[in-house]
Each structure stands twice: as C-alpha cells, then as structure tokens.
Amino acid sequence: MRDGYDDVVGSATELCHKWGISSTKPTTRKIYSKQYCGEMQGDRRLDVPEEKFRIAIFYPLIDTALFKLRDRFKGLHSVSRNFEFLLPQNKVTMKESDIVKSCYDFITFYNNDVT
C-alpha cells in the first residue's frame, strides 16, 4: 500500500485539475545546518514538498489505517470464533459433547447479553 504513493498523488492532481483547484506546491528556501571539518553529509533536509508530504502525512496515514483495520479484524475474528459452533457445517461434524461444551462456554462468556 505504501508503494502506491505515485498513483495516489497522480489521481489527486488529476482531480484537482478537473475541479479547477490549484495543485502547485510552495517553494521554500533551503536550510542547511553548519557542517564541521571531517563530518559527512548526514543532514538531508526535506526540501522537496512531495517527499515531505510522503514522509510527514502519507506514510503515517497509511500506517494508521492499516493498524486500525488489523485491530478491527482481530476483534471480528474473536467474535467469529465465539459463534463458530453455531455454523451448520460445524454442527454436523462436532460431537454432541463438544456442542454442549461450546454452548456452556458461549453462555458463560456472554452471560450479561444472553438470557
């Protein structure tokens, strides 16, 4: 998903042109830090607005969305696992004692919700 940055920027720029919105990026003066004798050039500034946008906004946004989706599906998976014994294919293949045990586990887990 992070590799699709160029596609996202391209489609956003197209949409801006279509709607008549300016998509020019601001130009700023480059800022350099003082470099001392024998020091390697390790001070790479984010002067390019697209690169700054990618690192400061796009990547954190994608990471947050992926984390939220993973978290949501973990919760959904645990709920699905609790109701798994009710599926018809599981009722046919499970032993009666396992079904009864699953029912009791279900009732104890959802004690306040199930009457």
PDB file of N, CA and C in Angstrom:
ATOM      1  N   MET A   1       0.822  -1.185   0.000  1.00  0.00           N
ATOM      2  CA  MET A   1       0.000   0.000   0.000  1.00  0.00           C
ATOM      3  C   MET A   1       0.869   1.252   0.000  1.00  0.00           C
ATOM      4  N   ARG A   2       2.013   1.174   0.655  1.00  0.00           N
ATOM      5  CA  ARG A   2       2.913   2.326   0.674  1.00  0.00           C
ATOM      6  C   ARG A   2       3.524   2.564  -0.702  1.00  0.00           C
ATOM      7  N   ASP A   3       3.590   1.535  -1.536  1.00  0.00           N
ATOM      8  CA  ASP A   3       4.206   1.671  -2.852  1.00  0.00           C
ATOM      9  C   ASP A   3       3.318   2.424  -3.835  1.00  0.00           C
ATOM     10  N   GLY A   4       2.062   2.612  -3.526  1.00  0.00           N
ATOM     11  CA  GLY A   4       1.135   3.286  -4.423  1.00  0.00           C
ATOM     12  C   GLY A   4       1.100   4.788  -4.263  1.00  0.00           C
ATOM     13  N   TYR A   5       2.126   5.375  -3.674  1.00  0.00           N
ATOM     14  CA  TYR A   5       2.145   6.822  -3.425  1.00  0.00           C
ATOM     15  C   TYR A   5       2.035   7.620  -4.718  1.00  0.00           C
ATOM     16  N   ASP A   6       2.795   7.241  -5.738  1.00  0.00           N
ATOM     17  CA  ASP A   6       2.771   7.980  -7.001  1.00  0.00           C
ATOM     18  C   ASP A   6       1.390   7.928  -7.647  1.00  0.00           C
ATOM     19  N   ASP A   7       0.709   6.790  -7.548  1.00  0.00           N
ATOM     20  CA  ASP A   7      -0.647   6.680  -8.092  1.00  0.00           C
ATOM     21  C   ASP A   7      -1.617   7.584  -7.343  1.00  0.00           C
ATOM     22  N   VAL A   8      -1.484   7.644  -6.021  1.00  0.00           N
ATOM     23  CA  VAL A   8      -2.364   8.492  -5.210  1.00  0.00           C
ATOM     24  C   VAL A   8      -2.153   9.959  -5.549  1.00  0.00           C
ATOM     25  N   VAL A   9      -0.888  10.370  -5.655  1.00  0.00           N
ATOM     26  CA  VAL A   9      -0.590  11.767  -5.980  1.00  0.00           C
ATOM     27  C   VAL A   9      -1.073  12.095  -7.388  1.00  0.00           C
ATOM     28  N   GLY A  10      -0.876  11.178  -8.327  1.00  0.00           N
ATOM     29  CA  GLY A  10      -1.335  11.399  -9.704  1.00  0.00           C
ATOM     30  C   GLY A  10      -2.838  11.553  -9.797  1.00  0.00           C
ATOM     31  N   SER A  11      -3.579  10.684  -9.133  1.00  0.00           N
ATOM     32  CA  SER A  11      -5.043  10.782  -9.184  1.00  0.00           C
ATOM     33  C   SER A  11      -5.540  12.016  -8.441  1.00  0.00           C
ATOM     34  N   ALA A  12      -4.860  12.411  -7.359  1.00  0.00           N
ATOM     35  CA  ALA A  12      -5.250  13.629  -6.641  1.00  0.00           C
ATOM     36  C   ALA A  12      -4.990  14.866  -7.493  1.00  0.00           C
ATOM     37  N   THR A  13      -3.865  14.888  -8.209  1.00  0.00           N
ATOM     38  CA  THR A  13      -3.555  16.016  -9.091  1.00  0.00           C
ATOM     39  C   THR A  13      -4.558  16.098 -10.233  1.00  0.00           C
ATOM     40  N   GLU A  14      -4.906  14.946 -10.809  1.00  0.00           N
ATOM     41  CA  GLU A  14      -5.940  14.910 -11.857  1.00  0.00           C
ATOM     42  C   GLU A  14      -7.258  15.466 -11.350  1.00  0.00           C
ATOM     43  N   LEU A  15      -7.647  15.063 -10.163  1.00  0.00           N
ATOM     44  CA  LEU A  15      -8.897  15.524  -9.568  1.00  0.00           C
ATOM     45  C   LEU A  15      -8.862  17.027  -9.319  1.00  0.00           C
ATOM     46  N   CYS A  16      -7.714  17.543  -8.889  1.00  0.00           N
ATOM     47  CA  CYS A  16      -7.573  18.991  -8.684  1.00  0.00           C
ATOM     48  C   CYS A  16      -7.737  19.742  -9.992  1.00  0.00           C
ATOM     49  N   HIS A  17      -7.115  19.241 -11.066  1.00  0.00           N
ATOM     50  CA  HIS A  17      -7.248  19.894 -12.370  1.00  0.00           C
ATOM     51  C   HIS A  17      -8.692  19.841 -12.857  1.00  0.00           C
ATOM     52  N   LYS A  18      -9.341  18.719 -12.630  1.00  0.00           N
ATOM     53  CA  LYS A  18     -10.731  18.535 -13.067  1.00  0.00           C
ATOM     54  C   LYS A  18     -11.665  19.509 -12.356  1.00  0.00           C
ATOM     55  N   TRP A  19     -11.437  19.745 -11.068  1.00  0.00           N
ATOM     56  CA  TRP A  19     -12.286  20.629 -10.275  1.00  0.00           C
ATOM     57  C   TRP A  19     -11.807  22.074 -10.269  1.00  0.00           C
ATOM     58  N   GLY A  20     -10.693  22.349 -10.944  1.00  0.00           N
ATOM     59  CA  GLY A  20     -10.189  23.715 -11.015  1.00  0.00           C
ATOM     60  C   GLY A  20      -9.478  24.183  -9.760  1.00  0.00           C
ATOM     61  N   ILE A  21      -8.883  23.265  -9.028  1.00  0.00           N
ATOM     62  CA  ILE A  21      -8.155  23.599  -7.803  1.00  0.00           C
ATOM     63  C   ILE A  21      -6.666  23.632  -8.129  1.00  0.00           C
ATOM     64  N   SER A  22      -5.983  24.639  -7.652  1.00  0.00           N
ATOM     65  CA  SER A  22      -4.551  24.757  -7.890  1.00  0.00           C
ATOM     66  C   SER A  22      -3.806  23.666  -7.121  1.00  0.00           C
ATOM     67  N   SER A  23      -2.885  23.017  -7.811  1.00  0.00           N
ATOM     68  CA  SER A  23      -2.116  21.953  -7.151  1.00  0.00           C
ATOM     69  C   SER A  23      -0.629  22.291  -7.125  1.00  0.00           C
ATOM     70  N   THR A  24      -0.303  23.585  -7.123  1.00  0.00           N
ATOM     71  CA  THR A  24       1.106  23.978  -7.064  1.00  0.00           C
ATOM     72  C   THR A  24       1.626  23.803  -5.647  1.00  0.00           C
ATOM     73  N   LYS A  25       2.865  23.411  -5.576  1.00  0.00           N
ATOM     74  CA  LYS A  25       3.484  23.198  -4.272  1.00  0.00           C
ATOM     75  C   LYS A  25       4.304  24.425  -3.897  1.00  0.00           C
ATOM     76  N   PRO A  26       4.296  24.828  -2.645  1.00  0.00           N
ATOM     77  CA  PRO A  26       5.061  26.021  -2.251  1.00  0.00           C
ATOM     78  C   PRO A  26       6.566  25.755  -2.320  1.00  0.00           C
ATOM     79  N   THR A  27       7.294  26.776  -2.740  1.00  0.00           N
ATOM     80  CA  THR A  27       8.749  26.648  -2.769  1.00  0.00           C
ATOM     81  C   THR A  27       9.320  27.414  -1.588  1.00  0.00           C
ATOM     82  N   THR A  28      10.234  26.800  -0.902  1.00  0.00           N
ATOM     83  CA  THR A  28      10.847  27.433   0.261  1.00  0.00           C
ATOM     84  C   THR A  28      12.358  27.443   0.091  1.00  0.00           C
ATOM     85  N   ARG A  29      12.986  28.321   0.793  1.00  0.00           N
ATOM     86  CA  ARG A  29      14.434  28.428   0.757  1.00  0.00           C
ATOM     87  C   ARG A  29      15.036  27.234   1.496  1.00  0.00           C
ATOM     88  N   LYS A  30      16.098  26.666   0.939  1.00  0.00           N
ATOM     89  CA  LYS A  30      16.749  25.522   1.567  1.00  0.00           C
ATOM     90  C   LYS A  30      17.483  25.971   2.822  1.00  0.00           C
ATOM     91  N   ILE A  31      17.379  25.182   3.868  1.00  0.00           N
ATOM     92  CA  ILE A  31      18.042  25.467   5.131  1.00  0.00           C
ATOM     93  C   ILE A  31      19.106  24.397   5.347  1.00  0.00           C
ATOM     94  N   TYR A  32      20.315  24.837   5.565  1.00  0.00           N
ATOM     95  CA  TYR A  32      21.411  23.906   5.803  1.00  0.00           C
ATOM     96  C   TYR A  32      21.925  24.092   7.221  1.00  0.00           C
ATOM     97  N   SER A  33      22.364  23.010   7.816  1.00  0.00           N
ATOM     98  CA  SER A  33      22.977  23.123   9.135  1.00  0.00           C
ATOM     99  C   SER A  33      24.483  23.292   8.961  1.00  0.00           C
ATOM    100  N   LYS A  34      25.101  23.790   9.978  1.00  0.00           N
ATOM    101  CA  LYS A  34      26.541  24.020   9.937  1.00  0.00           C
ATOM    102  C   LYS A  34      27.253  22.678   9.862  1.00  0.00           C
ATOM    103  N   GLN A  35      28.216  22.594   8.960  1.00  0.00           N
ATOM    104  CA  GLN A  35      28.958  21.354   8.791  1.00  0.00           C
ATOM    105  C   GLN A  35      30.385  21.577   9.274  1.00  0.00           C
ATOM    106  N   TYR A  36      30.846  20.696  10.135  1.00  0.00           N
ATOM    107  CA  TYR A  36      32.179  20.819  10.709  1.00  0.00           C
ATOM    108  C   TYR A  36      33.171  19.955   9.941  1.00  0.00           C
ATOM    109  N   CYS A  37      34.439  20.246  10.121  1.00  0.00           N
ATOM    110  CA  CYS A  37      35.508  19.548   9.422  1.00  0.00           C
ATOM    111  C   CYS A  37      35.461  18.044   9.728  1.00  0.00           C
ATOM    112  N   GLY A  38      35.516  17.233   8.692  1.00  0.00           N
ATOM    113  CA  GLY A  38      35.524  15.789   8.859  1.00  0.00           C
ATOM    114  C   GLY A  38      34.144  15.176   9.014  1.00  0.00           C
ATOM    115  N   GLU A  39      33.121  15.984   8.997  1.00  0.00           N
ATOM    116  CA  GLU A  39      31.756  15.490   9.166  1.00  0.00           C
ATOM    117  C   GLU A  39      31.182  15.113   7.804  1.00  0.00           C
ATOM    118  N   MET A  40      30.529  13.984   7.749  1.00  0.00           N
ATOM    119  CA  MET A  40      29.898  13.573   6.499  1.00  0.00           C
ATOM    120  C   MET A  40      28.566  14.283   6.335  1.00  0.00           C
ATOM    121  N   GLN A  41      28.116  14.347   5.096  1.00  0.00           N
ATOM    122  CA  GLN A  41      26.830  14.990   4.811  1.00  0.00           C
ATOM    123  C   GLN A  41      25.717  14.041   5.252  1.00  0.00           C
ATOM    124  N   GLY A  42      25.276  14.176   6.482  1.00  0.00           N
ATOM    125  CA  GLY A  42      24.205  13.337   7.001  1.00  0.00           C
ATOM    126  C   GLY A  42      22.952  14.137   7.264  1.00  0.00           C
ATOM    127  N   ASP A  43      23.023  15.433   6.956  1.00  0.00           N
ATOM    128  CA  ASP A  43      21.897  16.319   7.237  1.00  0.00           C
ATOM    129  C   ASP A  43      21.081  16.512   5.967  1.00  0.00           C
ATOM    130  N   ARG A  44      20.258  15.565   5.663  1.00  0.00           N
ATOM    131  CA  ARG A  44      19.431  15.647   4.463  1.00  0.00           C
ATOM    132  C   ARG A  44      18.101  16.256   4.854  1.00  0.00           C
ATOM    133  N   ARG A  45      17.832  17.415   4.348  1.00  0.00           N
ATOM    134  CA  ARG A  45      16.590  18.119   4.671  1.00  0.00           C
ATOM    135  C   ARG A  45      15.489  17.701   3.710  1.00  0.00           C
ATOM    136  N   LEU A  46      14.261  17.847   4.148  1.00  0.00           N
ATOM    137  CA  LEU A  46      13.117  17.545   3.299  1.00  0.00           C
ATOM    138  C   LEU A  46      12.710  18.821   2.567  1.00  0.00           C
ATOM    139  N   ASP A  47      13.448  19.128   1.494  1.00  0.00           N
ATOM    140  CA  ASP A  47      13.178  20.342   0.739  1.00  0.00           C
ATOM    141  C   ASP A  47      12.111  20.133  -0.318  1.00  0.00           C
ATOM    142  N   VAL A  48      11.966  18.922  -0.782  1.00  0.00           N
ATOM    143  CA  VAL A  48      11.002  18.633  -1.835  1.00  0.00           C
ATOM    144  C   VAL A  48       9.630  18.461  -1.185  1.00  0.00           C
ATOM    145  N   PRO A  49       8.655  19.310  -1.567  1.00  0.00           N
ATOM    146  CA  PRO A  49       7.338  19.236  -0.913  1.00  0.00           C
ATOM    147  C   PRO A  49       6.671  17.871  -1.038  1.00  0.00           C
ATOM    148  N   GLU A  50       6.850  17.195  -2.198  1.00  0.00           N
ATOM    149  CA  GLU A  50       6.226  15.880  -2.369  1.00  0.00           C
ATOM    150  C   GLU A  50       6.832  14.855  -1.417  1.00  0.00           C
ATOM    151  N   GLU A  51       8.146  14.922  -1.255  1.00  0.00           N
ATOM    152  CA  GLU A  51       8.807  13.979  -0.349  1.00  0.00           C
ATOM    153  C   GLU A  51       8.434  14.277   1.100  1.00  0.00           C
ATOM    154  N   LYS A  52       8.334  15.549   1.425  1.00  0.00           N
ATOM    155  CA  LYS A  52       7.927  15.947   2.772  1.00  0.00           C
ATOM    156  C   LYS A  52       6.498  15.472   3.056  1.00  0.00           C
ATOM    157  N   PHE A  53       5.613  15.617   2.065  1.00  0.00           N
ATOM    158  CA  PHE A  53       4.236  15.148   2.204  1.00  0.00           C
ATOM    159  C   PHE A  53       4.203  13.636   2.386  1.00  0.00           C
ATOM    160  N   ARG A  54       5.019  12.932   1.604  1.00  0.00           N
ATOM    161  CA  ARG A  54       5.033  11.470   1.681  1.00  0.00           C
ATOM    162  C   ARG A  54       5.447  10.995   3.071  1.00  0.00           C
ATOM    163  N   ILE A  55       6.488  11.610   3.623  1.00  0.00           N
ATOM    164  CA  ILE A  55       7.024  11.159   4.907  1.00  0.00           C
ATOM    165  C   ILE A  55       6.207  11.669   6.084  1.00  0.00           C
ATOM    166  N   ALA A  56       5.732  12.919   6.005  1.00  0.00           N
ATOM    167  CA  ALA A  56       5.044  13.521   7.150  1.00  0.00           C
ATOM    168  C   ALA A  56       3.561  13.188   7.207  1.00  0.00           C
ATOM    169  N   ILE A  57       2.931  12.931   6.053  1.00  0.00           N
ATOM    170  CA  ILE A  57       1.477  12.737   6.050  1.00  0.00           C
ATOM    171  C   ILE A  57       1.075  11.378   5.493  1.00  0.00           C
ATOM    172  N   PHE A  58       1.556  11.037   4.289  1.00  0.00           N
ATOM    173  CA  PHE A  58       1.077   9.836   3.606  1.00  0.00           C
ATOM    174  C   PHE A  58       1.414   8.556   4.369  1.00  0.00           C
ATOM    175  N   TYR A  59       2.685   8.363   4.723  1.00  0.00           N
ATOM    176  CA  TYR A  59       3.075   7.140   5.427  1.00  0.00           C
ATOM    177  C   TYR A  59       2.385   6.990   6.782  1.00  0.00           C
ATOM    178  N   PRO A  60       2.336   8.038   7.621  1.00  0.00           N
ATOM    179  CA  PRO A  60       1.608   7.877   8.891  1.00  0.00           C
ATOM    180  C   PRO A  60       0.120   7.586   8.692  1.00  0.00           C
ATOM    181  N   LEU A  61      -0.485   8.190   7.664  1.00  0.00           N
ATOM    182  CA  LEU A  61      -1.900   7.941   7.389  1.00  0.00           C
ATOM    183  C   LEU A  61      -2.128   6.487   6.995  1.00  0.00           C
ATOM    184  N   ILE A  62      -1.296   5.968   6.105  1.00  0.00           N
ATOM    185  CA  ILE A  62      -1.419   4.574   5.673  1.00  0.00           C
ATOM    186  C   ILE A  62      -1.160   3.627   6.844  1.00  0.00           C
ATOM    187  N   ASP A  63      -0.142   3.915   7.641  1.00  0.00           N
ATOM    188  CA  ASP A  63       0.162   3.063   8.796  1.00  0.00           C
ATOM    189  C   ASP A  63      -0.984   3.043   9.797  1.00  0.00           C
ATOM    190  N   THR A  64      -1.594   4.212  10.042  1.00  0.00           N
ATOM    191  CA  THR A  64      -2.725   4.286  10.970  1.00  0.00           C
ATOM    192  C   THR A  64      -3.915   3.504  10.434  1.00  0.00           C
ATOM    193  N   ALA A  65      -4.214   3.660   9.141  1.00  0.00           N
ATOM    194  CA  ALA A  65      -5.342   2.938   8.548  1.00  0.00           C
ATOM    195  C   ALA A  65      -5.118   1.432   8.615  1.00  0.00           C
ATOM    196  N   LEU A  66      -3.914   0.980   8.298  1.00  0.00           N
ATOM    197  CA  LEU A  66      -3.624  -0.456   8.356  1.00  0.00           C
ATOM    198  C   LEU A  66      -3.712  -0.995   9.777  1.00  0.00           C
ATOM    199  N   PHE A  67      -3.207  -0.232  10.741  1.00  0.00           N
ATOM    200  CA  PHE A  67      -3.276  -0.658  12.136  1.00  0.00           C
ATOM    201  C   PHE A  67      -4.728  -0.776  12.587  1.00  0.00           C
ATOM    202  N   LYS A  68      -5.552   0.232  12.240  1.00  0.00           N
ATOM    203  CA  LYS A  68      -6.965   0.198  12.642  1.00  0.00           C
ATOM    204  C   LYS A  68      -7.686  -0.982  12.002  1.00  0.00           C
ATOM    205  N   LEU A  69      -7.413  -1.253  10.720  1.00  0.00           N
ATOM    206  CA  LEU A  69      -8.051  -2.389  10.054  1.00  0.00           C
ATOM    207  C   LEU A  69      -7.632  -3.714  10.688  1.00  0.00           C
ATOM    208  N   ARG A  70      -6.334  -3.855  10.972  1.00  0.00           N
ATOM    209  CA  ARG A  70      -5.866  -5.081  11.626  1.00  0.00           C
ATOM    210  C   ARG A  70      -6.521  -5.263  12.985  1.00  0.00           C
ATOM    211  N   ASP A  71      -6.593  -4.181  13.739  1.00  0.00           N
ATOM    212  CA  ASP A  71      -7.191  -4.228  15.071  1.00  0.00           C
ATOM    213  C   ASP A  71      -8.668  -4.594  14.987  1.00  0.00           C
ATOM    214  N   ARG A  72      -9.367  -4.003  14.022  1.00  0.00           N
ATOM    215  CA  ARG A  72     -10.795  -4.285  13.862  1.00  0.00           C
ATOM    216  C   ARG A  72     -11.022  -5.742  13.480  1.00  0.00           C
ATOM    217  N   PHE A  73     -10.192  -6.280  12.585  1.00  0.00           N
ATOM    218  CA  PHE A  73     -10.372  -7.662  12.167  1.00  0.00           C
ATOM    219  C   PHE A  73      -9.951  -8.656  13.236  1.00  0.00           C
ATOM    220  N   LYS A  74      -9.034  -8.270  14.120  1.00  0.00           N
ATOM    221  CA  LYS A  74      -8.719  -9.137  15.258  1.00  0.00           C
ATOM    222  C   LYS A  74      -9.940  -9.284  16.153  1.00  0.00           C
ATOM    223  N   GLY A  75     -10.620  -8.180  16.426  1.00  0.00           N
ATOM    224  CA  GLY A  75     -11.837  -8.226  17.233  1.00  0.00           C
ATOM    225  C   GLY A  75     -12.926  -9.032  16.555  1.00  0.00           C
ATOM    226  N   LEU A  76     -13.068  -8.841  15.252  1.00  0.00           N
ATOM    227  CA  LEU A  76     -14.070  -9.585  14.493  1.00  0.00           C
ATOM    228  C   LEU A  76     -13.752 -11.076  14.487  1.00  0.00           C
ATOM    229  N   HIS A  77     -12.475 -11.405  14.419  1.00  0.00           N
ATOM    230  CA  HIS A  77     -12.072 -12.812  14.424  1.00  0.00           C
ATOM    231  C   HIS A  77     -12.403 -13.477  15.759  1.00  0.00           C
ATOM    232  N   SER A  78     -12.203 -12.759  16.857  1.00  0.00           N
ATOM    233  CA  SER A  78     -12.514 -13.353  18.163  1.00  0.00           C
ATOM    234  C   SER A  78     -14.018 -13.553  18.323  1.00  0.00           C
ATOM    235  N   VAL A  79     -14.825 -12.617  17.837  1.00  0.00           N
ATOM    236  CA  VAL A  79     -16.286 -12.785  17.896  1.00  0.00           C
ATOM    237  C   VAL A  79     -16.701 -13.953  17.013  1.00  0.00           C
ATOM    238  N   SER A  80     -16.113 -14.041  15.836  1.00  0.00           N
ATOM    239  CA  SER A  80     -16.428 -15.143  14.925  1.00  0.00           C
ATOM    240  C   SER A  80     -16.073 -16.485  15.549  1.00  0.00           C
ATOM    241  N   ARG A  81     -14.959 -16.536  16.257  1.00  0.00           N
ATOM    242  CA  ARG A  81     -14.542 -17.778  16.916  1.00  0.00           C
ATOM    243  C   ARG A  81     -15.540 -18.173  18.009  1.00  0.00           C
ATOM    244  N   ASN A  82     -16.126 -17.181  18.709  1.00  0.00           N
ATOM    245  CA  ASN A  82     -17.099 -17.488  19.761  1.00  0.00           C
ATOM    246  C   ASN A  82     -18.398 -18.055  19.196  1.00  0.00           C
ATOM    247  N   PHE A  83     -18.772 -17.636  17.986  1.00  0.00           N
ATOM    248  CA  PHE A  83     -20.016 -18.100  17.374  1.00  0.00           C
ATOM    249  C   PHE A  83     -19.799 -19.260  16.403  1.00  0.00           C
ATOM    250  N   GLU A  84     -18.588 -19.744  16.310  1.00  0.00           N
ATOM    251  CA  GLU A  84     -18.222 -20.759  15.331  1.00  0.00           C
ATOM    252  C   GLU A  84     -19.016 -22.060  15.481  1.00  0.00           C
ATOM    253  N   PHE A  85     -19.345 -22.421  16.684  1.00  0.00           N
ATOM    254  CA  PHE A  85     -20.049 -23.697  16.903  1.00  0.00           C
ATOM    255  C   PHE A  85     -21.472 -23.673  16.352  1.00  0.00           C
ATOM    256  N   LEU A  86     -22.009 -22.495  16.047  1.00  0.00           N
ATOM    257  CA  LEU A  86     -23.367 -22.396  15.518  1.00  0.00           C
ATOM    258  C   LEU A  86     -23.445 -22.618  14.007  1.00  0.00           C
ATOM    259  N   LEU A  87     -22.319 -22.658  13.338  1.00  0.00           N
ATOM    260  CA  LEU A  87     -22.316 -22.866  11.889  1.00  0.00           C
ATOM    261  C   LEU A  87     -22.804 -24.273  11.562  1.00  0.00           C
ATOM    262  N   PRO A  88     -23.632 -24.399  10.518  1.00  0.00           N
ATOM    263  CA  PRO A  88     -24.187 -25.723  10.186  1.00  0.00           C
ATOM    264  C   PRO A  88     -23.121 -26.791   9.928  1.00  0.00           C
ATOM    265  N   GLN A  89     -22.049 -26.444   9.225  1.00  0.00           N
ATOM    266  CA  GLN A  89     -21.027 -27.462   8.939  1.00  0.00           C
ATOM    267  C   GLN A  89     -20.330 -27.929  10.211  1.00  0.00           C
ATOM    268  N   ASN A  90     -20.231 -27.069  11.216  1.00  0.00           N
ATOM    269  CA  ASN A  90     -19.618 -27.476  12.482  1.00  0.00           C
ATOM    270  C   ASN A  90     -20.580 -28.312  13.322  1.00  0.00           C
ATOM    271  N   LYS A  91     -21.874 -28.021  13.237  1.00  0.00           N
ATOM    272  CA  LYS A  91     -22.857 -28.825  13.984  1.00  0.00           C
ATOM    273  C   LYS A  91     -22.862 -30.267  13.501  1.00  0.00           C
ATOM    274  N   VAL A  92     -22.667 -30.450  12.214  1.00  0.00           N
ATOM    275  CA  VAL A  92     -22.689 -31.796  11.641  1.00  0.00           C
ATOM    276  C   VAL A  92     -21.433 -32.579  12.028  1.00  0.00           C
ATOM    277  N   THR A  93     -20.292 -31.911  12.063  1.00  0.00           N
ATOM    278  CA  THR A  93     -19.028 -32.622  12.298  1.00  0.00           C
ATOM    279  C   THR A  93     -18.652 -32.734  13.772  1.00  0.00           C
ATOM    280  N   MET A  94     -19.190 -31.857  14.633  1.00  0.00           N
ATOM    281  CA  MET A  94     -18.813 -31.874  16.052  1.00  0.00           C
ATOM    282  C   MET A  94     -19.557 -32.977  16.805  1.00  0.00           C
ATOM    283  N   LYS A  95     -18.931 -33.473  17.848  1.00  0.00           N
ATOM    284  CA  LYS A  95     -19.595 -34.432  18.732  1.00  0.00           C
ATOM    285  C   LYS A  95     -20.596 -33.670  19.590  1.00  0.00           C
ATOM    286  N   GLU A  96     -21.573 -34.397  20.085  1.00  0.00           N
ATOM    287  CA  GLU A  96     -22.615 -33.760  20.908  1.00  0.00           C
ATOM    288  C   GLU A  96     -22.021 -33.162  22.180  1.00  0.00           C
ATOM    289  N   SER A  97     -21.055 -33.829  22.762  1.00  0.00           N
ATOM    290  CA  SER A  97     -20.432 -33.312  23.988  1.00  0.00           C
ATOM    291  C   SER A  97     -19.684 -31.998  23.712  1.00  0.00           C
ATOM    292  N   ASP A  98     -19.056 -31.902  22.532  1.00  0.00           N
ATOM    293  CA  ASP A  98     -18.364 -30.658  22.168  1.00  0.00           C
ATOM    294  C   ASP A  98     -19.354 -29.518  21.936  1.00  0.00           C
ATOM    295  N   ILE A  99     -20.500 -29.841  21.352  1.00  0.00           N
ATOM    296  CA  ILE A  99     -21.528 -28.818  21.122  1.00  0.00           C
ATOM    297  C   ILE A  99     -22.064 -28.309  22.456  1.00  0.00           C
ATOM    298  N   VAL A 100     -22.323 -29.218  23.385  1.00  0.00           N
ATOM    299  CA  VAL A 100     -22.819 -28.823  24.710  1.00  0.00           C
ATOM    300  C   VAL A 100     -21.774 -27.976  25.429  1.00  0.00           C
ATOM    301  N   LYS A 101     -20.514 -28.393  25.360  1.00  0.00           N
ATOM    302  CA  LYS A 101     -19.439 -27.620  25.987  1.00  0.00           C
ATOM    303  C   LYS A 101     -19.343 -26.223  25.363  1.00  0.00           C
ATOM    304  N   SER A 102     -19.443 -26.143  24.036  1.00  0.00           N
ATOM    305  CA  SER A 102     -19.389 -24.847  23.351  1.00  0.00           C
ATOM    306  C   SER A 102     -20.559 -23.965  23.755  1.00  0.00           C
ATOM    307  N   CYS A 103     -21.733 -24.564  23.937  1.00  0.00           N
ATOM    308  CA  CYS A 103     -22.909 -23.798  24.384  1.00  0.00           C
ATOM    309  C   CYS A 103     -22.681 -23.226  25.779  1.00  0.00           C
ATOM    310  N   TYR A 104     -22.152 -24.043  26.678  1.00  0.00           N
ATOM    311  CA  TYR A 104     -21.882 -23.556  28.038  1.00  0.00           C
ATOM    312  C   TYR A 104     -20.802 -22.468  28.035  1.00  0.00           C
ATOM    313  N   ASP A 105     -19.771 -22.659  27.222  1.00  0.00           N
ATOM    314  CA  ASP A 105     -18.729 -21.628  27.107  1.00  0.00           C
ATOM    315  C   ASP A 105     -19.312 -20.326  26.568  1.00  0.00           C
ATOM    316  N   PHE A 106     -20.196 -20.455  25.582  1.00  0.00           N
ATOM    317  CA  PHE A 106     -20.849 -19.291  24.987  1.00  0.00           C
ATOM    318  C   PHE A 106     -21.691 -18.554  26.030  1.00  0.00           C
ATOM    319  N   ILE A 107     -22.452 -19.308  26.807  1.00  0.00           N
ATOM    320  CA  ILE A 107     -23.326 -18.705  27.829  1.00  0.00           C
ATOM    321  C   ILE A 107     -22.505 -18.033  28.916  1.00  0.00           C
ATOM    322  N   THR A 108     -21.412 -18.655  29.335  1.00  0.00           N
ATOM    323  CA  THR A 108     -20.591 -18.020  30.377  1.00  0.00           C
ATOM    324  C   THR A 108     -19.875 -16.780  29.855  1.00  0.00           C
ATOM    325  N   PHE A 109     -19.463 -16.803  28.583  1.00  0.00           N
ATOM    326  CA  PHE A 109     -18.765 -15.648  28.020  1.00  0.00           C
ATOM    327  C   PHE A 109     -19.717 -14.470  27.814  1.00  0.00           C
ATOM    328  N   TYR A 110     -20.921 -14.761  27.302  1.00  0.00           N
ATOM    329  CA  TYR A 110     -21.919 -13.718  27.049  1.00  0.00           C
ATOM    330  C   TYR A 110     -23.014 -13.756  28.115  1.00  0.00           C
ATOM    331  N   ASN A 111     -22.637 -13.897  29.365  1.00  0.00           N
ATOM    332  CA  ASN A 111     -23.580 -14.038  30.467  1.00  0.00           C
ATOM    333  C   ASN A 111     -24.544 -12.855  30.563  1.00  0.00           C
ATOM    334  N   ASN A 112     -24.059 -11.647  30.413  1.00  0.00           N
ATOM    335  CA  ASN A 112     -24.918 -10.460  30.537  1.00  0.00           C
ATOM    336  C   ASN A 112     -25.753 -10.206  29.294  1.00  0.00           C
ATOM    337  N   ASP A 113     -25.346 -10.759  28.158  1.00  0.00           N
ATOM    338  CA  ASP A 113     -26.039 -10.490  26.899  1.00  0.00           C
ATOM    339  C   ASP A 113     -27.065 -11.557  26.540  1.00  0.00           C
ATOM    340  N   VAL A 114     -26.844 -12.792  26.977  1.00  0.00           N
ATOM    341  CA  VAL A 114     -27.723 -13.903  26.619  1.00  0.00           C
ATOM    342  C   VAL A 114     -28.550 -14.291  27.835  1.00  0.00           C
ATOM    343  N   THR A 115     -29.867 -14.457  27.625  1.00  0.00           N
ATOM    344  CA  THR A 115     -30.737 -14.866  28.741  1.00  0.00           C
ATOM    345  C   THR A 115     -31.252 -16.268  28.546  1.00  0.00           C
TER     346      THR A 115
END
